[in-house]
Structures are given as structure tokens and as C-alpha cells.
């Protein structure tokens, strides 16, 4: 038993049988195209993740610098306060 699918020509309305051999080739071509597309999307996702990680690291470093500057400022104020009350 052969597996045939009929498609209809949009121009003339003729029904054309697609055999498994032909549909198999089409399926393989589509599979290859989809796999290539998936690999491309995965590569973009990996690149975006790297960008996000770098951005997060930069933000963490900036926050650390700001915290250190604030701590230094607070210690200086505390020392000045001690001098004033002494």
C-alpha cells in the first residue's frame, strides 16, 4: 500500500499525487532548514546570554564601587564627627 497525498494546483485545479518518495525529500529538506534555523536561534540566544552576563557583571562592579565610596564617605563623616565632639 502506497501512501499518497493529493495536492491541488491553485492555477488549474488539477490534483497531483505526492508519493512518499517525494514527500520524504520535502520533509528532509524542511527538517534541514528547520535545524539550521534552530541552530541560528540558539547561537543568538547564547550570544545574548553572554551579553546579559557581561552587563550584569558591569552593574555589580558599579554597585560595589558605589557602596565602597558610600562607606568611605560615612567613615570620613564619623571621623569628622568624633573630632568635633572631642
C-alpha atoms as a PDB file:
ATOM      1  CA  UNK A   1       0.000   0.000   0.000  1.00  0.00           C
ATOM      2  CA  UNK A   2       1.489   3.311  -1.051  1.00  0.00           C
ATOM      3  CA  UNK A   3       0.993   6.429   0.943  1.00  0.00           C
ATOM      4  CA  UNK A   4      -0.121   9.139  -1.444  1.00  0.00           C
ATOM      5  CA  UNK A   5      -1.301  12.594  -0.717  1.00  0.00           C
ATOM      6  CA  UNK A   6      -3.076  14.720  -3.258  1.00  0.00           C
ATOM      7  CA  UNK A   7      -2.383  18.386  -3.669  1.00  0.00           C
ATOM      8  CA  UNK A   8      -4.443  20.654  -5.851  1.00  0.00           C
ATOM      9  CA  UNK A   9      -2.831  23.063  -8.274  1.00  0.00           C
ATOM     10  CA  UNK A  10      -4.061  26.553  -7.391  1.00  0.00           C
ATOM     11  CA  UNK A  11      -4.000  27.600 -11.056  1.00  0.00           C
ATOM     12  CA  UNK A  12      -5.751  24.788 -12.888  1.00  0.00           C
ATOM     13  CA  UNK A  13      -7.276  22.725 -10.070  1.00  0.00           C
ATOM     14  CA  UNK A  14      -5.553  19.501 -11.158  1.00  0.00           C
ATOM     15  CA  UNK A  15      -4.972  17.026  -8.360  1.00  0.00           C
ATOM     16  CA  UNK A  16      -1.362  15.908  -8.212  1.00  0.00           C
ATOM     17  CA  UNK A  17      -0.372  12.817  -6.194  1.00  0.00           C
ATOM     18  CA  UNK A  18       2.624  13.156  -3.905  1.00  0.00           C
ATOM     19  CA  UNK A  19       4.278   9.847  -3.268  1.00  0.00           C
ATOM     20  CA  UNK A  20       6.190   9.037  -0.094  1.00  0.00           C
ATOM     21  CA  UNK A  21       9.440   9.350  -2.025  1.00  0.00           C
ATOM     22  CA  UNK A  22       8.663  12.920  -2.990  1.00  0.00           C
ATOM     23  CA  UNK A  23       7.190  13.893   0.371  1.00  0.00           C
ATOM     24  CA  UNK A  24      10.186  12.279   2.075  1.00  0.00           C
ATOM     25  CA  UNK A  25      12.533  14.566   0.153  1.00  0.00           C
ATOM     26  CA  UNK A  26      10.411  17.565   1.012  1.00  0.00           C
ATOM     27  CA  UNK A  27      10.282  16.540   4.666  1.00  0.00           C
ATOM     28  CA  UNK A  28      14.066  16.101   4.761  1.00  0.00           C
ATOM     29  CA  UNK A  29      14.598  19.496   3.155  1.00  0.00           C
ATOM     30  CA  UNK A  30      12.213  21.121   5.615  1.00  0.00           C
ATOM     31  CA  UNK A  31      13.872  19.309   8.521  1.00  0.00           C
ATOM     32  CA  UNK A  32      17.293  20.538   7.386  1.00  0.00           C
ATOM     33  CA  UNK A  33      16.034  24.095   7.040  1.00  0.00           C
ATOM     34  CA  UNK A  34      14.394  23.977  10.466  1.00  0.00           C
ATOM     35  CA  UNK A  35      17.516  22.530  12.101  1.00  0.00           C
ATOM     36  CA  UNK A  36      19.620  25.304  10.556  1.00  0.00           C
ATOM     37  CA  UNK A  37      17.125  27.888  11.792  1.00  0.00           C
ATOM     38  CA  UNK A  38      17.147  26.371  15.278  1.00  0.00           C
ATOM     39  CA  UNK A  39      20.963  26.411  15.375  1.00  0.00           C
ATOM     40  CA  UNK A  40      20.946  30.053  14.304  1.00  0.00           C
ATOM     41  CA  UNK A  41      18.409  30.946  17.002  1.00  0.00           C
ATOM     42  CA  UNK A  42      20.381  29.004  19.627  1.00  0.00           C
ATOM     43  CA  UNK A  43      23.567  30.856  18.656  1.00  0.00           C
ATOM     44  CA  UNK A  44      21.746  34.186  19.012  1.00  0.00           C
ATOM     45  CA  UNK A  45      20.393  33.145  22.405  1.00  0.00           C
ATOM     46  CA  UNK A  46      23.866  32.124  23.593  1.00  0.00           C
ATOM     47  CA  UNK A  47      25.300  35.440  22.397  1.00  0.00           C
ATOM     48  CA  UNK A  48      22.509  37.362  24.153  1.00  0.00           C
ATOM     49  CA  UNK A  49      23.114  35.406  27.360  1.00  0.00           C
ATOM     50  CA  UNK A  50      26.802  36.346  27.196  1.00  0.00           C
ATOM     51  CA  UNK A  51      25.868  39.996  26.707  1.00  0.00           C
ATOM     52  CA  UNK A  52      23.478  39.869  29.653  1.00  0.00           C
ATOM     53  CA  UNK A  53      26.093  38.216  31.878  1.00  0.00           C
ATOM     54  CA  UNK A  54      28.642  40.898  30.960  1.00  0.00           C
ATOM     55  CA  UNK A  55      26.082  43.615  31.614  1.00  0.00           C
ATOM     56  CA  UNK A  56      25.184  42.110  34.971  1.00  0.00           C
ATOM     57  CA  UNK A  57      28.860  41.853  35.929  1.00  0.00           C
ATOM     58  CA  UNK A  58      29.394  45.508  34.997  1.00  0.00           C
ATOM     59  CA  UNK A  59      26.377  46.559  37.072  1.00  0.00           C
ATOM     60  CA  UNK A  60      27.576  44.517  40.044  1.00  0.00           C
ATOM     61  CA  UNK A  61      31.023  46.135  39.814  1.00  0.00           C
ATOM     62  CA  UNK A  62      29.471  49.592  39.594  1.00  0.00           C
ATOM     63  CA  UNK A  63      27.267  48.911  42.611  1.00  0.00           C
ATOM     64  CA  UNK A  64      30.273  47.619  44.546  1.00  0.00           C
ATOM     65  CA  UNK A  65      32.195  50.819  43.715  1.00  0.00           C
ATOM     66  CA  UNK A  66      29.255  52.957  44.813  1.00  0.00           C
ATOM     67  CA  UNK A  67      28.895  51.039  48.078  1.00  0.00           C
ATOM     68  CA  UNK A  68      32.610  51.345  48.779  1.00  0.00           C
ATOM     69  CA  UNK A  69      32.505  55.089  48.066  1.00  0.00           C
ATOM     70  CA  UNK A  70      29.496  55.496  50.356  1.00  0.00           C
ATOM     71  CA  UNK A  71      31.219  53.511  53.137  1.00  0.00           C
ATOM     72  CA  UNK A  72      34.336  55.653  52.789  1.00  0.00           C
ATOM     73  CA  UNK A  73      32.228  58.802  52.957  1.00  0.00           C
ATOM     74  CA  UNK A  74      30.416  57.546  56.052  1.00  0.00           C
ATOM     75  CA  UNK A  75      33.701  56.702  57.809  1.00  0.00           C
ATOM     76  CA  UNK A  76      35.055  60.155  56.978  1.00  0.00           C
ATOM     77  CA  UNK A  77      31.920  61.774  58.400  1.00  0.00           C
ATOM     78  CA  UNK A  78      32.195  59.628  61.506  1.00  0.00           C
ATOM     79  CA  UNK A  79      35.819  60.669  61.987  1.00  0.00           C
ATOM     80  CA  UNK A  80      34.921  64.338  61.488  1.00  0.00           C
ATOM     81  CA  UNK A  81      32.075  63.962  63.967  1.00  0.00           C
ATOM     82  CA  UNK A  82      34.449  62.424  66.527  1.00  0.00           C
ATOM     83  CA  UNK A  83      36.833  65.366  66.080  1.00  0.00           C
ATOM     84  CA  UNK A  84      34.009  67.831  66.541  1.00  0.00           C
ATOM     85  CA  UNK A  85      32.766  66.312  69.786  1.00  0.00           C
ATOM     86  CA  UNK A  86      36.216  65.733  71.221  1.00  0.00           C
END
